[in-house]
Amino acid sequence: MTERSALVRRVSVITAIALAACVQAPEASDASPDGSAAADSRPELGTTARAIIDGRLEPSDEFAAVGALVYTFPDVGVLDTWCSGTLVAKKAIVTARHCTPNIDLAIESGLVPAFAIGADAFNPTQIIPITGYVNAPPSPDGDGLLLDGGRDVAVAYLESRPTGVKPAKLGRFEHHMLGDKFTIAGYGVNNPERFYGQRYSGKVTARAIKGRWYKLLFGDYDTYLEWYFTDSSSPAPNQAEADEWWDIYRLENKFELLAGGLPGEAIGCYGDSGGPLLKGKRARDLTTYGVSFAVEGTQSTVCGYGGAYLVFNEKMLDFVKDAL
């Protein structure tokens, strides 16, 4: 959990947007002109718990391409897991860019960073060492939701090809997919007792591809302000900071997606970062359209309200394909 906590500190200034993601959704509907998906009801605020809540344990081979990024030690095995990823080529995975510094940290610490395959990251069926990675360059024009340049995706390379695992396909996210249901999967914390390391999945709805983060989450300024002063992770809530958060945190248009956070949906948390945004009901047609990278944090629920995903638009899909 140490490295996951370090990642949380990285985004503590955004109250929150704690690096992770996952969720499920209301019935699909047509997208509205402002780039958001129409919904019959707003999120029920303050009711979600930590991780892929309302998801399900996912031991099936359908999700075999989804694995965990882990620290390993020779003759010991897996010591811990910090992010999730998806096999998309014989010897390559996609994950979140903010997950890759831990690959370097593992090597510097005398550990072996690896991709763990199987439903339980601590008892995997295969452990494939990670030999390197390529990070997507940040946006030259914007900060991204986490004010770090955005475009939070990376391709990591494996020492050998996993046995008997079919890579997921890469899919291009299109604007007409707003309102669609997707599946997310990852190894993050999966209950209020903070258990993690098992692969869970859940359903999400693609809600918005642009806009102010807190307006998208809360609908109006007054509702946001009530949350900010009573349940945000700000160490010293004040009006100036509330106004600043409302204004500066925005999705990068056509690159970052808000998904989930609606009644009945699952939601991801720490350790689910890098996990996929999926369509497909069988391993042979499993297709990933993006990776999770952030979720709103609160005092009452730790992670909640909806997750942020880097989507594979034409530019990001080209980056991944060129890196393979």
C-alpha atoms as a PDB file:
ATOM      1  CA  MET A   1       0.000   0.000   0.000  1.00  0.00           C
ATOM      2  CA  THR A   2       3.001   2.319   0.409  1.00  0.00           C
ATOM      3  CA  GLU A   3       3.359   3.178  -3.243  1.00  0.00           C
ATOM      4  CA  ARG A   4      -0.363   3.562  -3.686  1.00  0.00           C
ATOM      5  CA  SER A   5      -0.349   6.134  -0.870  1.00  0.00           C
ATOM      6  CA  ALA A   6       2.434   8.010  -2.644  1.00  0.00           C
ATOM      7  CA  LEU A   7       0.279   8.218  -5.731  1.00  0.00           C
ATOM      8  CA  VAL A   8      -2.579   9.608  -3.688  1.00  0.00           C
ATOM      9  CA  ARG A   9      -0.338  12.326  -2.305  1.00  0.00           C
ATOM     10  CA  ARG A  10       0.566  13.273  -5.833  1.00  0.00           C
ATOM     11  CA  VAL A  11      -3.009  14.385  -6.449  1.00  0.00           C
ATOM     12  CA  SER A  12      -4.041  15.465  -2.979  1.00  0.00           C
ATOM     13  CA  VAL A  13      -4.143  19.073  -4.210  1.00  0.00           C
ATOM     14  CA  ILE A  14      -7.124  18.138  -6.367  1.00  0.00           C
ATOM     15  CA  THR A  15      -8.840  16.943  -3.279  1.00  0.00           C
ATOM     16  CA  ALA A  16      -8.790  14.022  -4.659  1.00  0.00           C
ATOM     17  CA  ILE A  17      -8.648  12.948  -7.718  1.00  0.00           C
ATOM     18  CA  ALA A  18      -7.013   9.844  -6.331  1.00  0.00           C
ATOM     19  CA  LEU A  19      -5.288   7.865  -9.032  1.00  0.00           C
ATOM     20  CA  ALA A  20      -7.702   5.073  -9.869  1.00  0.00           C
ATOM     21  CA  ALA A  21     -11.026   4.504 -11.492  1.00  0.00           C
ATOM     22  CA  CYS A  22     -14.027   2.216 -11.979  1.00  0.00           C
ATOM     23  CA  VAL A  23     -17.820   2.278 -12.049  1.00  0.00           C
ATOM     24  CA  GLN A  24     -21.185   1.164 -13.528  1.00  0.00           C
ATOM     25  CA  ALA A  25     -24.236   2.973 -14.879  1.00  0.00           C
ATOM     26  CA  PRO A  26     -27.803   3.966 -15.605  1.00  0.00           C
ATOM     27  CA  GLU A  27     -29.542   2.983 -18.794  1.00  0.00           C
ATOM     28  CA  ALA A  28     -27.697   4.215 -21.884  1.00  0.00           C
ATOM     29  CA  SER A  29     -29.115   7.296 -23.556  1.00  0.00           C
ATOM     30  CA  ASP A  30     -28.271   9.796 -26.258  1.00  0.00           C
ATOM     31  CA  ALA A  31     -25.359  12.150 -25.688  1.00  0.00           C
ATOM     32  CA  SER A  32     -26.148  15.808 -25.135  1.00  0.00           C
ATOM     33  CA  PRO A  33     -24.575  18.587 -27.250  1.00  0.00           C
ATOM     34  CA  ASP A  34     -22.204  19.664 -24.477  1.00  0.00           C
ATOM     35  CA  GLY A  35     -20.336  16.366 -24.638  1.00  0.00           C
ATOM     36  CA  SER A  36     -22.083  14.698 -21.703  1.00  0.00           C
ATOM     37  CA  ALA A  37     -24.370  11.695 -21.626  1.00  0.00           C
ATOM     38  CA  ALA A  38     -27.988  12.392 -20.744  1.00  0.00           C
ATOM     39  CA  ALA A  39     -29.199  10.581 -17.627  1.00  0.00           C
ATOM     40  CA  ASP A  40     -32.552  10.306 -15.901  1.00  0.00           C
ATOM     41  CA  SER A  41     -31.100  10.962 -12.461  1.00  0.00           C
ATOM     42  CA  ARG A  42     -28.089  12.556 -10.822  1.00  0.00           C
ATOM     43  CA  PRO A  43     -25.549  10.608  -8.796  1.00  0.00           C
ATOM     44  CA  GLU A  44     -26.544   9.815  -5.228  1.00  0.00           C
ATOM     45  CA  LEU A  45     -23.730  11.641  -3.516  1.00  0.00           C
ATOM     46  CA  GLY A  46     -21.868  10.295  -0.562  1.00  0.00           C
ATOM     47  CA  THR A  47     -23.141   6.718  -0.861  1.00  0.00           C
ATOM     48  CA  THR A  48     -20.307   4.823  -2.523  1.00  0.00           C
ATOM     49  CA  ALA A  49     -17.581   2.905  -0.726  1.00  0.00           C
ATOM     50  CA  ARG A  50     -13.977   2.358  -1.591  1.00  0.00           C
ATOM     51  CA  ALA A  51     -12.986   0.440  -4.771  1.00  0.00           C
ATOM     52  CA  ILE A  52     -14.953  -1.620  -7.267  1.00  0.00           C
ATOM     53  CA  ILE A  53     -18.000  -1.678  -5.043  1.00  0.00           C
ATOM     54  CA  ASP A  54     -21.077  -3.332  -6.540  1.00  0.00           C
ATOM     55  CA  GLY A  55     -18.695  -5.083  -8.893  1.00  0.00           C
ATOM     56  CA  ARG A  56     -18.007  -8.789  -8.757  1.00  0.00           C
ATOM     57  CA  LEU A  57     -15.029 -11.044  -8.234  1.00  0.00           C
ATOM     58  CA  GLU A  58     -13.876 -11.935 -11.730  1.00  0.00           C
ATOM     59  CA  PRO A  59     -11.994 -15.259 -11.894  1.00  0.00           C
ATOM     60  CA  SER A  60     -13.216 -16.145 -15.402  1.00  0.00           C
ATOM     61  CA  ASP A  61     -10.939 -16.532 -18.410  1.00  0.00           C
ATOM     62  CA  GLU A  62     -12.999 -13.827 -20.120  1.00  0.00           C
ATOM     63  CA  PHE A  63     -10.825 -11.247 -18.358  1.00  0.00           C
ATOM     64  CA  ALA A  64      -7.550 -13.178 -18.500  1.00  0.00           C
ATOM     65  CA  ALA A  65      -5.890 -10.318 -20.412  1.00  0.00           C
ATOM     66  CA  VAL A  66      -6.425  -8.012 -17.409  1.00  0.00           C
ATOM     67  CA  GLY A  67      -3.587  -8.366 -14.926  1.00  0.00           C
ATOM     68  CA  ALA A  68      -1.867  -6.611 -12.043  1.00  0.00           C
ATOM     69  CA  LEU A  69       1.411  -4.694 -11.903  1.00  0.00           C
ATOM     70  CA  VAL A  70       3.328  -6.211  -8.991  1.00  0.00           C
ATOM     71  CA  TYR A  71       6.588  -6.121  -7.092  1.00  0.00           C
ATOM     72  CA  THR A  72       8.241  -9.538  -6.951  1.00  0.00           C
ATOM     73  CA  PHE A  73      11.332 -10.934  -5.289  1.00  0.00           C
ATOM     74  CA  PRO A  74      13.189 -14.077  -6.394  1.00  0.00           C
ATOM     75  CA  ASP A  75      12.224 -17.207  -4.422  1.00  0.00           C
ATOM     76  CA  VAL A  76       9.560 -15.201  -2.566  1.00  0.00           C
ATOM     77  CA  GLY A  77       6.992 -14.241  -5.158  1.00  0.00           C
ATOM     78  CA  VAL A  78       4.635 -11.266  -5.176  1.00  0.00           C
ATOM     79  CA  LEU A  79       5.258  -8.714  -2.431  1.00  0.00           C
ATOM     80  CA  ASP A  80       2.590  -6.178  -3.409  1.00  0.00           C
ATOM     81  CA  THR A  81       0.553  -4.803  -6.293  1.00  0.00           C
ATOM     82  CA  TRP A  82       0.143  -1.160  -7.214  1.00  0.00           C
ATOM     83  CA  CYS A  83      -1.705  -0.809 -10.537  1.00  0.00           C
ATOM     84  CA  SER A  84      -3.629  -2.749 -13.152  1.00  0.00           C
ATOM     85  CA  GLY A  85      -3.036  -3.261 -16.861  1.00  0.00           C
ATOM     86  CA  THR A  86      -4.194  -5.110 -19.952  1.00  0.00           C
ATOM     87  CA  LEU A  87      -2.332  -7.400 -22.316  1.00  0.00           C
ATOM     88  CA  VAL A  88      -2.818  -5.955 -25.833  1.00  0.00           C
ATOM     89  CA  ALA A  89       0.001  -7.675 -27.742  1.00  0.00           C
ATOM     90  CA  LYS A  90       2.059 -10.840 -27.341  1.00  0.00           C
ATOM     91  CA  LYS A  91       4.522  -9.132 -25.018  1.00  0.00           C
ATOM     92  CA  ALA A  92       3.051  -5.702 -24.212  1.00  0.00           C
ATOM     93  CA  ILE A  93       0.464  -4.199 -21.884  1.00  0.00           C
ATOM     94  CA  VAL A  94      -1.270  -0.838 -21.593  1.00  0.00           C
ATOM     95  CA  THR A  95      -1.516   0.875 -18.225  1.00  0.00           C
ATOM     96  CA  ALA A  96      -1.554   4.418 -16.799  1.00  0.00           C
ATOM     97  CA  ARG A  97       1.511   6.633 -17.185  1.00  0.00           C
ATOM     98  CA  HIS A  98       1.515   7.504 -13.504  1.00  0.00           C
ATOM     99  CA  CYS A  99       2.023   3.789 -12.749  1.00  0.00           C
ATOM    100  CA  THR A 100       5.389   3.563 -14.514  1.00  0.00           C
ATOM    101  CA  PRO A 101       7.605   5.340 -11.922  1.00  0.00           C
ATOM    102  CA  ASN A 102       7.019   2.339  -9.666  1.00  0.00           C
ATOM    103  CA  ILE A 103       8.628   0.133 -12.300  1.00  0.00           C
ATOM    104  CA  ASP A 104      11.820   2.166 -11.884  1.00  0.00           C
ATOM    105  CA  LEU A 105      11.419   2.197  -8.112  1.00  0.00           C
ATOM    106  CA  ALA A 106      11.181  -1.584  -8.031  1.00  0.00           C
ATOM    107  CA  ILE A 107      14.367  -1.997 -10.036  1.00  0.00           C
ATOM    108  CA  GLU A 108      16.217   0.567  -7.905  1.00  0.00           C
ATOM    109  CA  SER A 109      15.092  -1.333  -4.799  1.00  0.00           C
ATOM    110  CA  GLY A 110      16.369  -4.688  -6.040  1.00  0.00           C
ATOM    111  CA  LEU A 111      12.899  -5.997  -6.842  1.00  0.00           C
ATOM    112  CA  VAL A 112      11.459  -7.267 -10.100  1.00  0.00           C
ATOM    113  CA  PRO A 113       8.473  -5.342 -11.517  1.00  0.00           C
ATOM    114  CA  ALA A 114       6.142  -7.783 -13.221  1.00  0.00           C
ATOM    115  CA  PHE A 115       2.732  -8.385 -14.761  1.00  0.00           C
ATOM    116  CA  ALA A 116       0.758 -10.890 -12.707  1.00  0.00           C
ATOM    117  CA  ILE A 117      -1.860 -12.960 -14.509  1.00  0.00           C
ATOM    118  CA  GLY A 118      -4.805 -14.589 -12.766  1.00  0.00           C
ATOM    119  CA  ALA A 119      -7.708 -13.653 -10.532  1.00  0.00           C
ATOM    120  CA  ASP A 120      -5.495 -13.147  -7.451  1.00  0.00           C
ATOM    121  CA  ALA A 121      -2.440 -10.937  -7.834  1.00  0.00           C
ATOM    122  CA  PHE A 122      -0.841 -12.477  -4.742  1.00  0.00           C
ATOM    123  CA  ASN A 123      -1.316 -16.014  -6.058  1.00  0.00           C
ATOM    124  CA  PRO A 124      -1.029 -15.542  -9.813  1.00  0.00           C
ATOM    125  CA  THR A 125      -1.016 -18.263 -12.424  1.00  0.00           C
ATOM    126  CA  GLN A 126       1.828 -16.508 -14.262  1.00  0.00           C
ATOM    127  CA  ILE A 127       4.346 -13.786 -13.394  1.00  0.00           C
ATOM    128  CA  ILE A 128       6.000 -12.074 -16.360  1.00  0.00           C
ATOM    129  CA  PRO A 129       8.791  -9.561 -15.626  1.00  0.00           C
ATOM    130  CA  ILE A 130       8.410  -6.055 -17.067  1.00  0.00           C
ATOM    131  CA  THR A 131      11.496  -5.036 -19.018  1.00  0.00           C
ATOM    132  CA  GLY A 132      10.684  -1.450 -19.979  1.00  0.00           C
ATOM    133  CA  TYR A 133       7.983   1.028 -20.945  1.00  0.00           C
ATOM    134  CA  VAL A 134       7.110   4.026 -23.086  1.00  0.00           C
ATOM    135  CA  ASN A 135       5.033   6.883 -21.669  1.00  0.00           C
ATOM    136  CA  ALA A 136       2.658   8.947 -23.752  1.00  0.00           C
ATOM    137  CA  PRO A 137       3.819  12.576 -23.980  1.00  0.00           C
ATOM    138  CA  PRO A 138       1.642  15.102 -22.137  1.00  0.00           C
ATOM    139  CA  SER A 139      -0.570  17.560 -23.962  1.00  0.00           C
ATOM    140  CA  PRO A 140       1.297  20.595 -25.324  1.00  0.00           C
ATOM    141  CA  ASP A 141      -1.792  22.764 -24.887  1.00  0.00           C
ATOM    142  CA  GLY A 142      -3.448  21.820 -21.612  1.00  0.00           C
ATOM    143  CA  ASP A 143      -2.922  20.584 -18.085  1.00  0.00           C
ATOM    144  CA  GLY A 144      -5.281  17.616 -18.088  1.00  0.00           C
ATOM    145  CA  LEU A 145      -7.555  16.824 -15.166  1.00  0.00           C
ATOM    146  CA  LEU A 146      -4.680  16.201 -12.759  1.00  0.00           C
ATOM    147  CA  LEU A 147      -2.807  19.322 -13.934  1.00  0.00           C
ATOM    148  CA  ASP A 148       0.073  17.094 -15.027  1.00  0.00           C
ATOM    149  CA  GLY A 149      -0.300  17.442 -18.782  1.00  0.00           C
ATOM    150  CA  GLY A 150      -2.883  14.699 -19.067  1.00  0.00           C
ATOM    151  CA  ARG A 151      -2.829  11.814 -21.570  1.00  0.00           C
ATOM    152  CA  ASP A 152      -2.115   9.366 -18.754  1.00  0.00           C
ATOM    153  CA  VAL A 153      -1.303   6.172 -20.639  1.00  0.00           C
ATOM    154  CA  ALA A 154       1.770   4.014 -21.164  1.00  0.00           C
ATOM    155  CA  VAL A 155       2.830   0.818 -22.892  1.00  0.00           C
ATOM    156  CA  ALA A 156       4.987  -1.581 -20.876  1.00  0.00           C
ATOM    157  CA  TYR A 157       6.975  -4.483 -22.309  1.00  0.00           C
ATOM    158  CA  LEU A 158       7.113  -8.030 -20.983  1.00  0.00           C
ATOM    159  CA  GLU A 159      10.083 -10.388 -20.907  1.00  0.00           C
ATOM    160  CA  SER A 160       8.092 -13.222 -22.465  1.00  0.00           C
ATOM    161  CA  ARG A 161       4.696 -14.022 -23.886  1.00  0.00           C
ATOM    162  CA  PRO A 162       2.073 -15.151 -21.345  1.00  0.00           C
ATOM    163  CA  THR A 163       0.922 -18.705 -21.939  1.00  0.00           C
ATOM    164  CA  GLY A 164      -2.648 -19.258 -23.059  1.00  0.00           C
ATOM    165  CA  VAL A 165      -3.784 -15.633 -22.705  1.00  0.00           C
ATOM    166  CA  LYS A 166      -5.395 -13.917 -25.681  1.00  0.00           C
ATOM    167  CA  PRO A 167      -4.531 -10.211 -25.838  1.00  0.00           C
ATOM    168  CA  ALA A 168      -7.414  -7.757 -25.773  1.00  0.00           C
ATOM    169  CA  LYS A 169      -8.111  -5.759 -28.884  1.00  0.00           C
ATOM    170  CA  LEU A 170      -7.598  -2.016 -29.087  1.00  0.00           C
ATOM    171  CA  GLY A 171     -10.698   0.028 -29.890  1.00  0.00           C
ATOM    172  CA  ARG A 172     -11.137   3.654 -30.876  1.00  0.00           C
ATOM    173  CA  PHE A 173     -13.434   5.636 -28.594  1.00  0.00           C
ATOM    174  CA  GLU A 174     -15.965   7.598 -30.640  1.00  0.00           C
ATOM    175  CA  HIS A 175     -18.180  10.481 -29.530  1.00  0.00           C
ATOM    176  CA  HIS A 176     -21.335   8.459 -30.190  1.00  0.00           C
ATOM    177  CA  MET A 177     -20.242   6.071 -27.420  1.00  0.00           C
ATOM    178  CA  LEU A 178     -21.264   8.628 -24.774  1.00  0.00           C
ATOM    179  CA  GLY A 179     -24.140   7.002 -22.915  1.00  0.00           C
ATOM    180  CA  ASP A 180     -22.874   3.488 -23.674  1.00  0.00           C
ATOM    181  CA  LYS A 181     -22.230   0.886 -21.002  1.00  0.00           C
ATOM    182  CA  PHE A 182     -18.671  -0.326 -20.539  1.00  0.00           C
ATOM    183  CA  THR A 183     -17.028  -2.820 -18.189  1.00  0.00           C
ATOM    184  CA  ILE A 184     -14.067  -1.963 -16.000  1.00  0.00           C
ATOM    185  CA  ALA A 185     -11.757  -4.409 -14.246  1.00  0.00           C
ATOM    186  CA  GLY A 186      -8.856  -4.076 -11.850  1.00  0.00           C
ATOM    187  CA  TYR A 187      -7.089  -5.229  -8.714  1.00  0.00           C
ATOM    188  CA  GLY A 188      -7.701  -2.213  -6.489  1.00  0.00           C
ATOM    189  CA  VAL A 189      -9.290  -2.058  -3.069  1.00  0.00           C
ATOM    190  CA  ASN A 190     -12.623  -3.860  -3.364  1.00  0.00           C
ATOM    191  CA  ASN A 191     -14.434  -3.310  -0.066  1.00  0.00           C
ATOM    192  CA  PRO A 192     -14.573  -0.940   2.944  1.00  0.00           C
ATOM    193  CA  GLU A 193     -12.158  -3.241   4.819  1.00  0.00           C
ATOM    194  CA  ARG A 194      -9.576  -2.289   2.194  1.00  0.00           C
ATOM    195  CA  PHE A 195      -8.910  -5.740   0.785  1.00  0.00           C
ATOM    196  CA  TYR A 196      -7.174  -5.545  -2.576  1.00  0.00           C
ATOM    197  CA  GLY A 197      -5.268  -7.665  -5.048  1.00  0.00           C
ATOM    198  CA  GLN A 198      -8.173  -9.656  -6.464  1.00  0.00           C
ATOM    199  CA  ARG A 199      -9.577  -8.978  -9.918  1.00  0.00           C
ATOM    200  CA  TYR A 200     -13.011  -7.379  -9.779  1.00  0.00           C
ATOM    201  CA  SER A 201     -15.179  -6.063 -12.592  1.00  0.00           C
ATOM    202  CA  GLY A 202     -18.143  -3.703 -12.782  1.00  0.00           C
ATOM    203  CA  LYS A 203     -20.274  -1.744 -15.214  1.00  0.00           C
ATOM    204  CA  VAL A 204     -19.891   1.934 -16.096  1.00  0.00           C
ATOM    205  CA  THR A 205     -21.615   4.474 -18.304  1.00  0.00           C
ATOM    206  CA  ALA A 206     -19.628   6.944 -20.402  1.00  0.00           C
ATOM    207  CA  ARG A 207     -20.967  10.286 -19.159  1.00  0.00           C
ATOM    208  CA  ALA A 208     -18.887  13.187 -20.498  1.00  0.00           C
ATOM    209  CA  ILE A 209     -15.838  13.803 -22.651  1.00  0.00           C
ATOM    210  CA  LYS A 210     -15.317  17.464 -21.720  1.00  0.00           C
ATOM    211  CA  GLY A 211     -16.299  19.995 -19.085  1.00  0.00           C
ATOM    212  CA  ARG A 212     -15.574  21.194 -15.567  1.00  0.00           C
ATOM    213  CA  TRP A 213     -15.025  18.224 -13.297  1.00  0.00           C
ATOM    214  CA  TYR A 214     -17.061  19.409 -10.329  1.00  0.00           C
ATOM    215  CA  LYS A 215     -19.932  20.713 -12.415  1.00  0.00           C
ATOM    216  CA  LEU A 216     -20.117  17.300 -14.062  1.00  0.00           C
ATOM    217  CA  LEU A 217     -20.040  15.542 -10.672  1.00  0.00           C
ATOM    218  CA  PHE A 218     -22.392  17.781  -8.701  1.00  0.00           C
ATOM    219  CA  GLY A 219     -24.521  19.550 -11.297  1.00  0.00           C
ATOM    220  CA  ASP A 220     -24.471  23.014  -9.721  1.00  0.00           C
ATOM    221  CA  TYR A 221     -22.166  25.199  -7.678  1.00  0.00           C
ATOM    222  CA  ASP A 222     -24.234  25.185  -4.468  1.00  0.00           C
ATOM    223  CA  THR A 223     -24.291  21.377  -4.282  1.00  0.00           C
ATOM    224  CA  TYR A 224     -20.575  21.296  -4.979  1.00  0.00           C
ATOM    225  CA  LEU A 225     -19.903  23.940  -2.309  1.00  0.00           C
ATOM    226  CA  GLU A 226     -21.818  21.991   0.332  1.00  0.00           C
ATOM    227  CA  TRP A 227     -19.741  18.911  -0.453  1.00  0.00           C
ATOM    228  CA  TYR A 228     -16.492  20.885  -0.505  1.00  0.00           C
ATOM    229  CA  PHE A 229     -16.985  22.266   3.028  1.00  0.00           C
ATOM    230  CA  THR A 230     -18.320  19.060   4.569  1.00  0.00           C
ATOM    231  CA  ASP A 231     -16.755  16.084   2.784  1.00  0.00           C
ATOM    232  CA  SER A 232     -13.856  17.073   0.525  1.00  0.00           C
ATOM    233  CA  SER A 233     -10.302  16.073   1.325  1.00  0.00           C
ATOM    234  CA  SER A 234      -9.085  19.650   1.590  1.00  0.00           C
ATOM    235  CA  PRO A 235      -7.009  20.003   4.783  1.00  0.00           C
ATOM    236  CA  ALA A 236      -8.185  23.595   5.274  1.00  0.00           C
ATOM    237  CA  PRO A 237     -11.404  24.328   3.341  1.00  0.00           C
ATOM    238  CA  ASN A 238     -11.835  27.966   2.375  1.00  0.00           C
ATOM    239  CA  GLN A 239     -13.857  29.917  -0.172  1.00  0.00           C
ATOM    240  CA  ALA A 240     -10.896  30.905  -2.321  1.00  0.00           C
ATOM    241  CA  GLU A 241      -9.808  27.302  -2.747  1.00  0.00           C
ATOM    242  CA  ALA A 242     -13.377  26.167  -3.412  1.00  0.00           C
ATOM    243  CA  ASP A 243     -13.662  28.700  -6.227  1.00  0.00           C
ATOM    244  CA  GLU A 244     -10.279  27.686  -7.604  1.00  0.00           C
ATOM    245  CA  TRP A 245     -11.146  23.970  -7.673  1.00  0.00           C
ATOM    246  CA  TRP A 246     -14.466  24.681  -9.375  1.00  0.00           C
ATOM    247  CA  ASP A 247     -12.682  26.598 -12.117  1.00  0.00           C
ATOM    248  CA  ILE A 248      -9.399  24.803 -12.831  1.00  0.00           C
ATOM    249  CA  TYR A 249     -10.219  21.100 -12.780  1.00  0.00           C
ATOM    250  CA  ARG A 250     -11.495  20.126 -16.215  1.00  0.00           C
ATOM    251  CA  LEU A 251     -11.445  17.116 -18.494  1.00  0.00           C
ATOM    252  CA  GLU A 252      -9.178  17.505 -21.487  1.00  0.00           C
ATOM    253  CA  ASN A 253     -11.649  17.726 -24.344  1.00  0.00           C
ATOM    254  CA  LYS A 254     -11.910  14.454 -26.318  1.00  0.00           C
ATOM    255  CA  PHE A 255      -9.093  12.830 -24.327  1.00  0.00           C
ATOM    256  CA  GLU A 256     -10.470  12.386 -20.808  1.00  0.00           C
ATOM    257  CA  LEU A 257     -13.784  10.745 -19.978  1.00  0.00           C
ATOM    258  CA  LEU A 258     -16.010  10.833 -16.904  1.00  0.00           C
ATOM    259  CA  ALA A 259     -17.659   7.453 -16.443  1.00  0.00           C
ATOM    260  CA  GLY A 260     -19.767   5.986 -13.665  1.00  0.00           C
ATOM    261  CA  GLY A 261     -20.864   7.440 -10.373  1.00  0.00           C
ATOM    262  CA  LEU A 262     -24.580   7.020 -11.095  1.00  0.00           C
ATOM    263  CA  PRO A 263     -26.979   5.047  -8.844  1.00  0.00           C
ATOM    264  CA  GLY A 264     -26.243   1.342  -8.769  1.00  0.00           C
ATOM    265  CA  GLU A 265     -22.833   1.628 -10.396  1.00  0.00           C
ATOM    266  CA  ALA A 266     -19.565   0.104  -9.285  1.00  0.00           C
ATOM    267  CA  ILE A 267     -16.603   2.410  -8.720  1.00  0.00           C
ATOM    268  CA  GLY A 268     -12.864   1.876  -8.636  1.00  0.00           C
ATOM    269  CA  CYS A 269     -10.176   3.052  -6.257  1.00  0.00           C
ATOM    270  CA  TYR A 270      -6.472   2.776  -5.486  1.00  0.00           C
ATOM    271  CA  GLY A 271      -4.823   0.011  -7.471  1.00  0.00           C
ATOM    272  CA  ASP A 272      -7.359   0.093 -10.301  1.00  0.00           C
ATOM    273  CA  SER A 273      -5.338   2.752 -12.131  1.00  0.00           C
ATOM    274  CA  GLY A 274      -4.294   1.521 -15.544  1.00  0.00           C
ATOM    275  CA  GLY A 275      -7.208  -0.906 -15.701  1.00  0.00           C
ATOM    276  CA  PRO A 276      -9.216  -1.036 -18.917  1.00  0.00           C
ATOM    277  CA  LEU A 277     -12.442   0.469 -20.181  1.00  0.00           C
ATOM    278  CA  LEU A 278     -13.889  -2.567 -21.933  1.00  0.00           C
ATOM    279  CA  LYS A 279     -16.498  -3.898 -24.281  1.00  0.00           C
ATOM    280  CA  GLY A 280     -16.929  -7.547 -25.254  1.00  0.00           C
ATOM    281  CA  LYS A 281     -18.427 -10.614 -23.602  1.00  0.00           C
ATOM    282  CA  ARG A 282     -15.779 -13.206 -24.482  1.00  0.00           C
ATOM    283  CA  ALA A 283     -11.995 -13.246 -24.416  1.00  0.00           C
ATOM    284  CA  ARG A 284     -11.861 -13.398 -28.202  1.00  0.00           C
ATOM    285  CA  ASP A 285     -13.740 -10.096 -28.637  1.00  0.00           C
ATOM    286  CA  LEU A 286     -12.628  -8.249 -25.496  1.00  0.00           C
ATOM    287  CA  THR A 287     -11.730  -4.704 -26.574  1.00  0.00           C
ATOM    288  CA  THR A 288     -10.265  -1.895 -24.490  1.00  0.00           C
ATOM    289  CA  TYR A 289     -11.119   1.738 -25.268  1.00  0.00           C
ATOM    290  CA  GLY A 290      -9.032   3.441 -22.598  1.00  0.00           C
ATOM    291  CA  VAL A 291      -7.435   3.229 -19.153  1.00  0.00           C
ATOM    292  CA  SER A 292      -8.503   4.496 -15.755  1.00  0.00           C
ATOM    293  CA  PHE A 293      -6.397   7.159 -14.077  1.00  0.00           C
ATOM    294  CA  ALA A 294      -8.392   9.072 -11.440  1.00  0.00           C
ATOM    295  CA  VAL A 295     -11.387   9.076  -9.135  1.00  0.00           C
ATOM    296  CA  GLU A 296     -12.775  11.753  -6.833  1.00  0.00           C
ATOM    297  CA  GLY A 297     -11.795  11.383  -3.180  1.00  0.00           C
ATOM    298  CA  THR A 298     -13.871  12.225  -0.128  1.00  0.00           C
ATOM    299  CA  GLN A 299     -13.697  11.937   3.630  1.00  0.00           C
ATOM    300  CA  SER A 300     -16.805   9.772   3.856  1.00  0.00           C
ATOM    301  CA  THR A 301     -16.213   7.385   0.967  1.00  0.00           C
ATOM    302  CA  VAL A 302     -12.485   7.793   0.162  1.00  0.00           C
ATOM    303  CA  CYS A 303     -13.229   7.192  -3.527  1.00  0.00           C
ATOM    304  CA  GLY A 304     -16.517   8.094  -5.124  1.00  0.00           C
ATOM    305  CA  TYR A 305     -18.750  10.000  -7.527  1.00  0.00           C
ATOM    306  CA  GLY A 306     -17.193   8.841 -10.801  1.00  0.00           C
ATOM    307  CA  GLY A 307     -13.943   7.893 -12.442  1.00  0.00           C
ATOM    308  CA  ALA A 308     -11.735   9.551 -15.043  1.00  0.00           C
ATOM    309  CA  TYR A 309     -10.428   7.576 -18.010  1.00  0.00           C
ATOM    310  CA  LEU A 310      -7.931   8.366 -20.731  1.00  0.00           C
ATOM    311  CA  VAL A 311      -9.734   7.253 -23.888  1.00  0.00           C
ATOM    312  CA  PHE A 312      -8.191   5.910 -27.058  1.00  0.00           C
ATOM    313  CA  ASN A 313      -9.170   8.611 -29.508  1.00  0.00           C
ATOM    314  CA  GLU A 314      -7.329   8.613 -32.829  1.00  0.00           C
ATOM    315  CA  LYS A 315      -4.199  10.276 -31.422  1.00  0.00           C
ATOM    316  CA  MET A 316      -3.882   8.081 -28.340  1.00  0.00           C
ATOM    317  CA  LEU A 317      -4.691   4.922 -30.260  1.00  0.00           C
ATOM    318  CA  ASP A 318      -1.906   5.793 -32.697  1.00  0.00           C
ATOM    319  CA  PHE A 319       0.495   6.254 -29.769  1.00  0.00           C
ATOM    320  CA  VAL A 320      -0.317   2.809 -28.363  1.00  0.00           C
ATOM    321  CA  LYS A 321      -0.097   1.073 -31.728  1.00  0.00           C
ATOM    322  CA  ASP A 322       3.201   2.781 -32.566  1.00  0.00           C
ATOM    323  CA  ALA A 323       4.622   1.693 -29.212  1.00  0.00           C
ATOM    324  CA  LEU A 324       3.746  -1.964 -29.680  1.00  0.00           C
END
